Amino acid sequence: MKTPQDLDDLEGRIEAAQAKRPKPVEDNGQGSLLGMAWRLSTELVVAVMVGGALGYGVDYFAKTAPWFMVGGLFLGLATGVRNTFRLAERMDQVAKDAKQASDARQGE
């Protein structure tokens, strides 16, 4: 059975090990550049695919191939481009806010 002295010794060793570990770097909410690039490209590709699939589905049931699919691809492309620009603007704003916060911390 563990005695309180053993537990105190264990607690001391844990604290010493945690003190040796480097502190984690603050995350400013941006993520990695590669992650942002994947997210932007995924937004665009998925929107085009969904638009094309919906158009294909309408064409299949309405027997109007390929008109709704072509229209769906164009609508999907327009939606994807719009979403990509909105996401890029939001990421840019987060980067600006993080830079301002960093500058404010360095000025203190």
PDB file of N, CA and C in Angstrom:
ATOM      1  N   MET A   1       0.831  -1.176   0.000  1.00  0.00           N
ATOM      2  CA  MET A   1       0.000   0.000   0.000  1.00  0.00           C
ATOM      3  C   MET A   1       0.885   1.252   0.000  1.00  0.00           C
ATOM      4  N   LYS A   2       0.478   2.260  -0.768  1.00  0.00           N
ATOM      5  CA  LYS A   2       1.257   3.488  -0.899  1.00  0.00           C
ATOM      6  C   LYS A   2       1.076   4.338   0.357  1.00  0.00           C
ATOM      7  N   THR A   3       2.170   4.905   0.790  1.00  0.00           N
ATOM      8  CA  THR A   3       2.121   5.789   1.947  1.00  0.00           C
ATOM      9  C   THR A   3       2.072   7.225   1.459  1.00  0.00           C
ATOM     10  N   PRO A   4       1.644   8.152   2.322  1.00  0.00           N
ATOM     11  CA  PRO A   4       1.621   9.564   1.915  1.00  0.00           C
ATOM     12  C   PRO A   4       2.992  10.071   1.508  1.00  0.00           C
ATOM     13  N   GLN A   5       4.047   9.520   2.095  1.00  0.00           N
ATOM     14  CA  GLN A   5       5.394   9.952   1.738  1.00  0.00           C
ATOM     15  C   GLN A   5       5.712   9.545   0.293  1.00  0.00           C
ATOM     16  N   ASP A   6       5.292   8.335  -0.110  1.00  0.00           N
ATOM     17  CA  ASP A   6       5.501   7.895  -1.490  1.00  0.00           C
ATOM     18  C   ASP A   6       4.749   8.793  -2.471  1.00  0.00           C
ATOM     19  N   LEU A   7       3.528   9.168  -2.100  1.00  0.00           N
ATOM     20  CA  LEU A   7       2.727  10.019  -2.974  1.00  0.00           C
ATOM     21  C   LEU A   7       3.331  11.412  -3.070  1.00  0.00           C
ATOM     22  N   ASP A   8       3.851  11.938  -1.969  1.00  0.00           N
ATOM     23  CA  ASP A   8       4.505  13.246  -2.018  1.00  0.00           C
ATOM     24  C   ASP A   8       5.739  13.200  -2.899  1.00  0.00           C
ATOM     25  N   ASP A   9       6.497  12.104  -2.797  1.00  0.00           N
ATOM     26  CA  ASP A   9       7.676  11.927  -3.637  1.00  0.00           C
ATOM     27  C   ASP A   9       7.284  11.870  -5.111  1.00  0.00           C
ATOM     28  N   LEU A  10       6.215  11.137  -5.411  1.00  0.00           N
ATOM     29  CA  LEU A  10       5.727  11.041  -6.783  1.00  0.00           C
ATOM     30  C   LEU A  10       5.285  12.404  -7.298  1.00  0.00           C
ATOM     31  N   GLU A  11       4.583  13.147  -6.483  1.00  0.00           N
ATOM     32  CA  GLU A  11       4.119  14.476  -6.884  1.00  0.00           C
ATOM     33  C   GLU A  11       5.314  15.390  -7.184  1.00  0.00           C
ATOM     34  N   GLY A  12       6.349  15.301  -6.362  1.00  0.00           N
ATOM     35  CA  GLY A  12       7.549  16.108  -6.588  1.00  0.00           C
ATOM     36  C   GLY A  12       8.234  15.749  -7.888  1.00  0.00           C
ATOM     37  N   ARG A  13       8.315  14.458  -8.197  1.00  0.00           N
ATOM     38  CA  ARG A  13       8.932  14.035  -9.464  1.00  0.00           C
ATOM     39  C   ARG A  13       8.105  14.491 -10.659  1.00  0.00           C
ATOM     40  N   ILE A  14       6.775  14.434 -10.551  1.00  0.00           N
ATOM     41  CA  ILE A  14       5.901  14.891 -11.647  1.00  0.00           C
ATOM     42  C   ILE A  14       6.094  16.375 -11.887  1.00  0.00           C
ATOM     43  N   GLU A  15       6.127  17.172 -10.814  1.00  0.00           N
ATOM     44  CA  GLU A  15       6.311  18.619 -10.964  1.00  0.00           C
ATOM     45  C   GLU A  15       7.671  18.936 -11.581  1.00  0.00           C
ATOM     46  N   ALA A  16       8.716  18.187 -11.188  1.00  0.00           N
ATOM     47  CA  ALA A  16      10.045  18.413 -11.752  1.00  0.00           C
ATOM     48  C   ALA A  16      10.062  18.081 -13.244  1.00  0.00           C
ATOM     49  N   ALA A  17       9.393  17.005 -13.625  1.00  0.00           N
ATOM     50  CA  ALA A  17       9.349  16.628 -15.035  1.00  0.00           C
ATOM     51  C   ALA A  17       8.557  17.652 -15.848  1.00  0.00           C
ATOM     52  N   GLN A  18       7.476  18.158 -15.284  1.00  0.00           N
ATOM     53  CA  GLN A  18       6.684  19.159 -16.003  1.00  0.00           C
ATOM     54  C   GLN A  18       7.443  20.467 -16.138  1.00  0.00           C
ATOM     55  N   ALA A  19       8.267  20.803 -15.156  1.00  0.00           N
ATOM     56  CA  ALA A  19       9.056  22.034 -15.231  1.00  0.00           C
ATOM     57  C   ALA A  19      10.095  21.945 -16.339  1.00  0.00           C
ATOM     58  N   LYS A  20      10.596  20.743 -16.617  1.00  0.00           N
ATOM     59  CA  LYS A  20      11.609  20.566 -17.670  1.00  0.00           C
ATOM     60  C   LYS A  20      11.013  20.664 -19.072  1.00  0.00           C
ATOM     61  N   ARG A  21       9.722  20.346 -19.199  1.00  0.00           N
ATOM     62  CA  ARG A  21       9.083  20.370 -20.528  1.00  0.00           C
ATOM     63  C   ARG A  21       8.985  21.793 -21.033  1.00  0.00           C
ATOM     64  N   PRO A  22       9.217  21.996 -22.337  1.00  0.00           N
ATOM     65  CA  PRO A  22       9.053  23.350 -22.883  1.00  0.00           C
ATOM     66  C   PRO A  22       7.580  23.737 -22.902  1.00  0.00           C
ATOM     67  N   LYS A  23       7.356  25.010 -22.692  1.00  0.00           N
ATOM     68  CA  LYS A  23       5.982  25.524 -22.706  1.00  0.00           C
ATOM     69  C   LYS A  23       5.440  25.469 -24.129  1.00  0.00           C
ATOM     70  N   PRO A  24       4.170  25.095 -24.297  1.00  0.00           N
ATOM     71  CA  PRO A  24       3.602  25.068 -25.657  1.00  0.00           C
ATOM     72  C   PRO A  24       3.482  26.484 -26.218  1.00  0.00           C
ATOM     73  N   VAL A  25       3.673  26.575 -27.516  1.00  0.00           N
ATOM     74  CA  VAL A  25       3.565  27.853 -28.199  1.00  0.00           C
ATOM     75  C   VAL A  25       2.099  28.240 -28.261  1.00  0.00           C
ATOM     76  N   GLU A  26       1.814  29.532 -28.052  1.00  0.00           N
ATOM     77  CA  GLU A  26       0.428  29.997 -28.118  1.00  0.00           C
ATOM     78  C   GLU A  26      -0.113  29.827 -29.521  1.00  0.00           C
ATOM     79  N   ASP A  27      -1.329  29.295 -29.611  1.00  0.00           N
ATOM     80  CA  ASP A  27      -1.989  29.150 -30.904  1.00  0.00           C
ATOM     81  C   ASP A  27      -2.828  30.387 -31.129  1.00  0.00           C
ATOM     82  N   ASN A  28      -2.589  31.068 -32.237  1.00  0.00           N
ATOM     83  CA  ASN A  28      -3.340  32.289 -32.513  1.00  0.00           C
ATOM     84  C   ASN A  28      -4.605  32.017 -33.317  1.00  0.00           C
ATOM     85  N   GLY A  29      -4.994  30.759 -33.452  1.00  0.00           N
ATOM     86  CA  GLY A  29      -6.222  30.431 -34.146  1.00  0.00           C
ATOM     87  C   GLY A  29      -6.084  30.287 -35.645  1.00  0.00           C
ATOM     88  N   GLN A  30      -4.894  30.492 -36.184  1.00  0.00           N
ATOM     89  CA  GLN A  30      -4.723  30.420 -37.627  1.00  0.00           C
ATOM     90  C   GLN A  30      -4.522  29.004 -38.119  1.00  0.00           C
ATOM     91  N   GLY A  31      -3.801  28.203 -37.402  1.00  0.00           N
ATOM     92  CA  GLY A  31      -3.438  26.891 -37.904  1.00  0.00           C
ATOM     93  C   GLY A  31      -2.251  27.026 -38.837  1.00  0.00           C
ATOM     94  N   SER A  32      -1.861  25.939 -39.426  1.00  0.00           N
ATOM     95  CA  SER A  32      -0.709  25.973 -40.323  1.00  0.00           C
ATOM     96  C   SER A  32      -1.113  26.510 -41.695  1.00  0.00           C
ATOM     97  N   LEU A  33      -0.138  26.973 -42.425  1.00  0.00           N
ATOM     98  CA  LEU A  33      -0.411  27.477 -43.772  1.00  0.00           C
ATOM     99  C   LEU A  33      -0.904  26.365 -44.686  1.00  0.00           C
ATOM    100  N   LEU A  34      -0.329  25.175 -44.528  1.00  0.00           N
ATOM    101  CA  LEU A  34      -0.773  24.047 -45.346  1.00  0.00           C
ATOM    102  C   LEU A  34      -2.227  23.695 -45.026  1.00  0.00           C
ATOM    103  N   GLY A  35      -2.588  23.746 -43.759  1.00  0.00           N
ATOM    104  CA  GLY A  35      -3.963  23.467 -43.367  1.00  0.00           C
ATOM    105  C   GLY A  35      -4.933  24.480 -43.964  1.00  0.00           C
ATOM    106  N   MET A  36      -4.532  25.756 -43.966  1.00  0.00           N
ATOM    107  CA  MET A  36      -5.389  26.786 -44.556  1.00  0.00           C
ATOM    108  C   MET A  36      -5.532  26.571 -46.058  1.00  0.00           C
ATOM    109  N   ALA A  37      -4.443  26.203 -46.722  1.00  0.00           N
ATOM    110  CA  ALA A  37      -4.514  25.964 -48.161  1.00  0.00           C
ATOM    111  C   ALA A  37      -5.431  24.790 -48.476  1.00  0.00           C
ATOM    112  N   TRP A  38      -5.331  23.720 -47.681  1.00  0.00           N
ATOM    113  CA  TRP A  38      -6.218  22.573 -47.889  1.00  0.00           C
ATOM    114  C   TRP A  38      -7.674  22.968 -47.676  1.00  0.00           C
ATOM    115  N   ARG A  39      -7.922  23.771 -46.667  1.00  0.00           N
ATOM    116  CA  ARG A  39      -9.302  24.166 -46.396  1.00  0.00           C
ATOM    117  C   ARG A  39      -9.869  24.997 -47.541  1.00  0.00           C
ATOM    118  N   LEU A  40      -9.087  25.934 -48.049  1.00  0.00           N
ATOM    119  CA  LEU A  40      -9.559  26.764 -49.160  1.00  0.00           C
ATOM    120  C   LEU A  40      -9.841  25.918 -50.400  1.00  0.00           C
ATOM    121  N   SER A  41      -8.920  25.030 -50.732  1.00  0.00           N
ATOM    122  CA  SER A  41      -9.116  24.206 -51.932  1.00  0.00           C
ATOM    123  C   SER A  41     -10.288  23.241 -51.745  1.00  0.00           C
ATOM    124  N   THR A  42     -10.451  22.727 -50.541  1.00  0.00           N
ATOM    125  CA  THR A  42     -11.566  21.811 -50.286  1.00  0.00           C
ATOM    126  C   THR A  42     -12.899  22.527 -50.425  1.00  0.00           C
ATOM    127  N   GLU A  43     -12.979  23.755 -49.920  1.00  0.00           N
ATOM    128  CA  GLU A  43     -14.218  24.536 -50.056  1.00  0.00           C
ATOM    129  C   GLU A  43     -14.612  24.657 -51.531  1.00  0.00           C
ATOM    130  N   LEU A  44     -13.647  24.956 -52.365  1.00  0.00           N
ATOM    131  CA  LEU A  44     -13.929  25.158 -53.788  1.00  0.00           C
ATOM    132  C   LEU A  44     -14.325  23.853 -54.471  1.00  0.00           C
ATOM    133  N   VAL A  45     -13.557  22.802 -54.254  1.00  0.00           N
ATOM    134  CA  VAL A  45     -13.811  21.527 -54.930  1.00  0.00           C
ATOM    135  C   VAL A  45     -15.148  20.931 -54.499  1.00  0.00           C
ATOM    136  N   VAL A  46     -15.437  20.971 -53.207  1.00  0.00           N
ATOM    137  CA  VAL A  46     -16.688  20.377 -52.718  1.00  0.00           C
ATOM    138  C   VAL A  46     -17.901  21.130 -53.260  1.00  0.00           C
ATOM    139  N   ALA A  47     -17.821  22.446 -53.329  1.00  0.00           N
ATOM    140  CA  ALA A  47     -18.954  23.211 -53.861  1.00  0.00           C
ATOM    141  C   ALA A  47     -19.228  22.848 -55.318  1.00  0.00           C
ATOM    142  N   VAL A  48     -18.175  22.698 -56.115  1.00  0.00           N
ATOM    143  CA  VAL A  48     -18.359  22.327 -57.527  1.00  0.00           C
ATOM    144  C   VAL A  48     -18.947  20.919 -57.623  1.00  0.00           C
ATOM    145  N   MET A  49     -18.437  20.000 -56.802  1.00  0.00           N
ATOM    146  CA  MET A  49     -18.940  18.623 -56.848  1.00  0.00           C
ATOM    147  C   MET A  49     -20.408  18.543 -56.422  1.00  0.00           C
ATOM    148  N   VAL A  50     -20.782  19.276 -55.392  1.00  0.00           N
ATOM    149  CA  VAL A  50     -22.176  19.246 -54.941  1.00  0.00           C
ATOM    150  C   VAL A  50     -23.087  19.848 -56.006  1.00  0.00           C
ATOM    151  N   GLY A  51     -22.670  20.963 -56.598  1.00  0.00           N
ATOM    152  CA  GLY A  51     -23.472  21.570 -57.666  1.00  0.00           C
ATOM    153  C   GLY A  51     -23.642  20.634 -58.849  1.00  0.00           C
ATOM    154  N   GLY A  52     -22.561  19.991 -59.252  1.00  0.00           N
ATOM    155  CA  GLY A  52     -22.637  19.050 -60.368  1.00  0.00           C
ATOM    156  C   GLY A  52     -23.496  17.841 -60.040  1.00  0.00           C
ATOM    157  N   ALA A  53     -23.379  17.326 -58.814  1.00  0.00           N
ATOM    158  CA  ALA A  53     -24.178  16.158 -58.416  1.00  0.00           C
ATOM    159  C   ALA A  53     -25.667  16.484 -58.353  1.00  0.00           C
ATOM    160  N   LEU A  54     -25.980  17.653 -57.819  1.00  0.00           N
ATOM    161  CA  LEU A  54     -27.402  18.041 -57.780  1.00  0.00           C
ATOM    162  C   LEU A  54     -27.950  18.223 -59.197  1.00  0.00           C
ATOM    163  N   GLY A  55     -27.162  18.849 -60.059  1.00  0.00           N
ATOM    164  CA  GLY A  55     -27.597  19.016 -61.448  1.00  0.00           C
ATOM    165  C   GLY A  55     -27.757  17.676 -62.152  1.00  0.00           C
ATOM    166  N   TYR A  56     -26.838  16.759 -61.901  1.00  0.00           N
ATOM    167  CA  TYR A  56     -26.934  15.420 -62.488  1.00  0.00           C
ATOM    168  C   TYR A  56     -28.195  14.707 -62.001  1.00  0.00           C
ATOM    169  N   GLY A  57     -28.491  14.852 -60.720  1.00  0.00           N
ATOM    170  CA  GLY A  57     -29.697  14.221 -60.168  1.00  0.00           C
ATOM    171  C   GLY A  57     -30.960  14.760 -60.821  1.00  0.00           C
ATOM    172  N   VAL A  58     -31.021  16.067 -61.014  1.00  0.00           N
ATOM    173  CA  VAL A  58     -32.190  16.657 -61.678  1.00  0.00           C
ATOM    174  C   VAL A  58     -32.255  16.176 -63.124  1.00  0.00           C
ATOM    175  N   ASP A  59     -31.122  16.152 -63.807  1.00  0.00           N
ATOM    176  CA  ASP A  59     -31.090  15.663 -65.190  1.00  0.00           C
ATOM    177  C   ASP A  59     -31.533  14.211 -65.285  1.00  0.00           C
ATOM    178  N   TYR A  60     -31.125  13.407 -64.344  1.00  0.00           N
ATOM    179  CA  TYR A  60     -31.462  11.982 -64.365  1.00  0.00           C
ATOM    180  C   TYR A  60     -32.967  11.774 -64.268  1.00  0.00           C
ATOM    181  N   PHE A  61     -33.601  12.500 -63.361  1.00  0.00           N
ATOM    182  CA  PHE A  61     -35.045  12.315 -63.176  1.00  0.00           C
ATOM    183  C   PHE A  61     -35.873  13.080 -64.201  1.00  0.00           C
ATOM    184  N   ALA A  62     -35.366  14.209 -64.688  1.00  0.00           N
ATOM    185  CA  ALA A  62     -36.130  15.011 -65.645  1.00  0.00           C
ATOM    186  C   ALA A  62     -35.796  14.662 -67.096  1.00  0.00           C
ATOM    187  N   LYS A  63     -34.798  13.782 -67.313  1.00  0.00           N
ATOM    188  CA  LYS A  63     -34.360  13.380 -68.659  1.00  0.00           C
ATOM    189  C   LYS A  63     -33.991  14.589 -69.519  1.00  0.00           C
ATOM    190  N   THR A  64     -33.237  15.524 -68.911  1.00  0.00           N
ATOM    191  CA  THR A  64     -32.844  16.747 -69.612  1.00  0.00           C
ATOM    192  C   THR A  64     -31.328  16.873 -69.766  1.00  0.00           C
ATOM    193  N   ALA A  65     -30.620  15.753 -69.696  1.00  0.00           N
ATOM    194  CA  ALA A  65     -29.149  15.785 -69.693  1.00  0.00           C
ATOM    195  C   ALA A  65     -28.621  16.599 -70.860  1.00  0.00           C
ATOM    196  N   PRO A  66     -27.596  17.310 -70.721  1.00  0.00           N
ATOM    197  CA  PRO A  66     -26.733  17.630 -69.583  1.00  0.00           C
ATOM    198  C   PRO A  66     -26.983  19.020 -69.018  1.00  0.00           C
ATOM    199  N   TRP A  67     -28.124  19.610 -69.285  1.00  0.00           N
ATOM    200  CA  TRP A  67     -28.318  21.034 -69.001  1.00  0.00           C
ATOM    201  C   TRP A  67     -28.286  21.389 -67.514  1.00  0.00           C
ATOM    202  N   PHE A  68     -28.982  20.660 -66.695  1.00  0.00           N
ATOM    203  CA  PHE A  68     -28.970  20.988 -65.269  1.00  0.00           C
ATOM    204  C   PHE A  68     -27.606  20.689 -64.638  1.00  0.00           C
ATOM    205  N   MET A  69     -26.915  19.666 -65.153  1.00  0.00           N
ATOM    206  CA  MET A  69     -25.595  19.372 -64.614  1.00  0.00           C
ATOM    207  C   MET A  69     -24.625  20.509 -64.934  1.00  0.00           C
ATOM    208  N   VAL A  70     -24.668  21.012 -66.150  1.00  0.00           N
ATOM    209  CA  VAL A  70     -23.804  22.137 -66.525  1.00  0.00           C
ATOM    210  C   VAL A  70     -24.147  23.358 -65.680  1.00  0.00           C
ATOM    211  N   GLY A  71     -25.442  23.621 -65.533  1.00  0.00           N
ATOM    212  CA  GLY A  71     -25.862  24.744 -64.688  1.00  0.00           C
ATOM    213  C   GLY A  71     -25.432  24.546 -63.241  1.00  0.00           C
ATOM    214  N   GLY A  72     -25.562  23.325 -62.738  1.00  0.00           N
ATOM    215  CA  GLY A  72     -25.143  23.032 -61.374  1.00  0.00           C
ATOM    216  C   GLY A  72     -23.643  23.203 -61.190  1.00  0.00           C
ATOM    217  N   LEU A  73     -22.867  22.823 -62.208  1.00  0.00           N
ATOM    218  CA  LEU A  73     -21.416  23.022 -62.125  1.00  0.00           C
ATOM    219  C   LEU A  73     -21.073  24.506 -62.050  1.00  0.00           C
ATOM    220  N   PHE A  74     -21.735  25.317 -62.868  1.00  0.00           N
ATOM    221  CA  PHE A  74     -21.471  26.759 -62.826  1.00  0.00           C
ATOM    222  C   PHE A  74     -21.916  27.369 -61.504  1.00  0.00           C
ATOM    223  N   LEU A  75     -23.088  26.975 -61.023  1.00  0.00           N
ATOM    224  CA  LEU A  75     -23.535  27.482 -59.723  1.00  0.00           C
ATOM    225  C   LEU A  75     -22.612  27.017 -58.605  1.00  0.00           C
ATOM    226  N   GLY A  76     -22.165  25.774 -58.676  1.00  0.00           N
ATOM    227  CA  GLY A  76     -21.226  25.263 -57.685  1.00  0.00           C
ATOM    228  C   GLY A  76     -19.905  26.012 -57.722  1.00  0.00           C
ATOM    229  N   LEU A  77     -19.426  26.320 -58.919  1.00  0.00           N
ATOM    230  CA  LEU A  77     -18.190  27.077 -59.065  1.00  0.00           C
ATOM    231  C   LEU A  77     -18.339  28.477 -58.472  1.00  0.00           C
ATOM    232  N   ALA A  78     -19.451  29.128 -58.793  1.00  0.00           N
ATOM    233  CA  ALA A  78     -19.687  30.472 -58.252  1.00  0.00           C
ATOM    234  C   ALA A  78     -19.781  30.440 -56.731  1.00  0.00           C
ATOM    235  N   THR A  79     -20.477  29.448 -56.200  1.00  0.00           N
ATOM    236  CA  THR A  79     -20.599  29.325 -54.751  1.00  0.00           C
ATOM    237  C   THR A  79     -19.249  29.025 -54.117  1.00  0.00           C
ATOM    238  N   GLY A  80     -18.475  28.150 -54.728  1.00  0.00           N
ATOM    239  CA  GLY A  80     -17.164  27.803 -54.202  1.00  0.00           C
ATOM    240  C   GLY A  80     -16.213  28.992 -54.190  1.00  0.00           C
ATOM    241  N   VAL A  81     -16.218  29.766 -55.258  1.00  0.00           N
ATOM    242  CA  VAL A  81     -15.355  30.949 -55.322  1.00  0.00           C
ATOM    243  C   VAL A  81     -15.783  31.957 -54.261  1.00  0.00           C
ATOM    244  N   ARG A  82     -17.078  32.164 -54.117  1.00  0.00           N
ATOM    245  CA  ARG A  82     -17.572  33.103 -53.103  1.00  0.00           C
ATOM    246  C   ARG A  82     -17.187  32.643 -51.703  1.00  0.00           C
ATOM    247  N   ASN A  83     -17.385  31.370 -51.405  1.00  0.00           N
ATOM    248  CA  ASN A  83     -17.030  30.846 -50.087  1.00  0.00           C
ATOM    249  C   ASN A  83     -15.525  30.922 -49.846  1.00  0.00           C
ATOM    250  N   THR A  84     -14.740  30.661 -50.876  1.00  0.00           N
ATOM    251  CA  THR A  84     -13.288  30.719 -50.738  1.00  0.00           C
ATOM    252  C   THR A  84     -12.833  32.140 -50.434  1.00  0.00           C
ATOM    253  N   PHE A  85     -13.385  33.125 -51.126  1.00  0.00           N
ATOM    254  CA  PHE A  85     -13.019  34.514 -50.848  1.00  0.00           C
ATOM    255  C   PHE A  85     -13.445  34.933 -49.442  1.00  0.00           C
ATOM    256  N   ARG A  86     -14.637  34.533 -49.034  1.00  0.00           N
ATOM    257  CA  ARG A  86     -15.097  34.872 -47.676  1.00  0.00           C
ATOM    258  C   ARG A  86     -14.202  34.247 -46.625  1.00  0.00           C
ATOM    259  N   LEU A  87     -13.818  32.995 -46.834  1.00  0.00           N
ATOM    260  CA  LEU A  87     -12.951  32.311 -45.886  1.00  0.00           C
ATOM    261  C   LEU A  87     -11.562  32.947 -45.858  1.00  0.00           C
ATOM    262  N   ALA A  88     -11.041  33.325 -47.017  1.00  0.00           N
ATOM    263  CA  ALA A  88      -9.728  33.970 -47.076  1.00  0.00           C
ATOM    264  C   ALA A  88      -9.755  35.321 -46.364  1.00  0.00           C
ATOM    265  N   GLU A  89     -10.827  36.071 -46.525  1.00  0.00           N
ATOM    266  CA  GLU A  89     -10.948  37.358 -45.826  1.00  0.00           C
ATOM    267  C   GLU A  89     -10.997  37.145 -44.314  1.00  0.00           C
ATOM    268  N   ARG A  90     -11.742  36.127 -43.875  1.00  0.00           N
ATOM    269  CA  ARG A  90     -11.838  35.835 -42.446  1.00  0.00           C
ATOM    270  C   ARG A  90     -10.468  35.427 -41.893  1.00  0.00           C
ATOM    271  N   MET A  91      -9.732  34.594 -42.641  1.00  0.00           N
ATOM    272  CA  MET A  91      -8.390  34.187 -42.210  1.00  0.00           C
ATOM    273  C   MET A  91      -7.446  35.383 -42.157  1.00  0.00           C
ATOM    274  N   ASP A  92      -7.568  36.283 -43.122  1.00  0.00           N
ATOM    275  CA  ASP A  92      -6.739  37.479 -43.135  1.00  0.00           C
ATOM    276  C   ASP A  92      -7.029  38.353 -41.922  1.00  0.00           C
ATOM    277  N   GLN A  93      -8.298  38.476 -41.561  1.00  0.00           N
ATOM    278  CA  GLN A  93      -8.671  39.282 -40.396  1.00  0.00           C
ATOM    279  C   GLN A  93      -8.122  38.661 -39.114  1.00  0.00           C
ATOM    280  N   VAL A  94      -8.177  37.342 -39.008  1.00  0.00           N
ATOM    281  CA  VAL A  94      -7.624  36.660 -37.832  1.00  0.00           C
ATOM    282  C   VAL A  94      -6.122  36.909 -37.752  1.00  0.00           C
ATOM    283  N   ALA A  95      -5.437  36.862 -38.882  1.00  0.00           N
ATOM    284  CA  ALA A  95      -3.996  37.111 -38.900  1.00  0.00           C
ATOM    285  C   ALA A  95      -3.681  38.547 -38.479  1.00  0.00           C
ATOM    286  N   LYS A  96      -4.468  39.501 -38.949  1.00  0.00           N
ATOM    287  CA  LYS A  96      -4.252  40.899 -38.567  1.00  0.00           C
ATOM    288  C   LYS A  96      -4.491  41.094 -37.075  1.00  0.00           C
ATOM    289  N   ASP A  97      -5.559  40.493 -36.554  1.00  0.00           N
ATOM    290  CA  ASP A  97      -5.848  40.602 -35.124  1.00  0.00           C
ATOM    291  C   ASP A  97      -4.739  39.984 -34.287  1.00  0.00           C
ATOM    292  N   ALA A  98      -4.221  38.834 -34.725  1.00  0.00           N
ATOM    293  CA  ALA A  98      -3.135  38.182 -33.996  1.00  0.00           C
ATOM    294  C   ALA A  98      -1.873  39.039 -34.030  1.00  0.00           C
ATOM    295  N   LYS A  99      -1.597  39.674 -35.162  1.00  0.00           N
ATOM    296  CA  LYS A  99      -0.420  40.543 -35.262  1.00  0.00           C
ATOM    297  C   LYS A  99      -0.569  41.742 -34.349  1.00  0.00           C
ATOM    298  N   GLN A 100      -1.750  42.346 -34.305  1.00  0.00           N
ATOM    299  CA  GLN A 100      -1.975  43.487 -33.424  1.00  0.00           C
ATOM    300  C   GLN A 100      -1.822  43.086 -31.961  1.00  0.00           C
ATOM    301  N   ALA A 101      -2.349  41.916 -31.606  1.00  0.00           N
ATOM    302  CA  ALA A 101      -2.220  41.445 -30.226  1.00  0.00           C
ATOM    303  C   ALA A 101      -0.758  41.182 -29.885  1.00  0.00           C
ATOM    304  N   SER A 102      -0.015  40.609 -30.821  1.00  0.00           N
ATOM    305  CA  SER A 102       1.412  40.344 -30.603  1.00  0.00           C
ATOM    306  C   SER A 102       2.188  41.643 -30.445  1.00  0.00           C
ATOM    307  N   ASP A 103       1.882  42.620 -31.306  1.00  0.00           N
ATOM    308  CA  ASP A 103       2.556  43.925 -31.214  1.00  0.00           C
ATOM    309  C   ASP A 103       2.238  44.605 -29.892  1.00  0.00           C
ATOM    310  N   ALA A 104       0.988  44.467 -29.435  1.00  0.00           N
ATOM    311  CA  ALA A 104       0.590  45.087 -28.170  1.00  0.00           C
ATOM    312  C   ALA A 104       1.333  44.433 -27.000  1.00  0.00           C
ATOM    313  N   ARG A 105       1.519  43.111 -27.056  1.00  0.00           N
ATOM    314  CA  ARG A 105       2.233  42.420 -25.983  1.00  0.00           C
ATOM    315  C   ARG A 105       3.697  42.805 -25.954  1.00  0.00           C
ATOM    316  N   GLN A 106       4.291  43.016 -27.142  1.00  0.00           N
ATOM    317  CA  GLN A 106       5.713  43.390 -27.197  1.00  0.00           C
ATOM    318  C   GLN A 106       5.922  44.822 -26.744  1.00  0.00           C
ATOM    319  N   GLY A 107       4.912  45.665 -26.928  1.00  0.00           N
ATOM    320  CA  GLY A 107       5.012  47.060 -26.531  1.00  0.00           C
ATOM    321  C   GLY A 107       4.872  47.270 -25.032  1.00  0.00           C
ATOM    322  N   GLU A 108       4.413  46.263 -24.317  1.00  0.00           N
ATOM    323  CA  GLU A 108       4.202  46.419 -22.864  1.00  0.00           C
ATOM    324  C   GLU A 108       5.483  46.408 -22.102  1.00  0.00           C
TER     325      GLU A 108
END
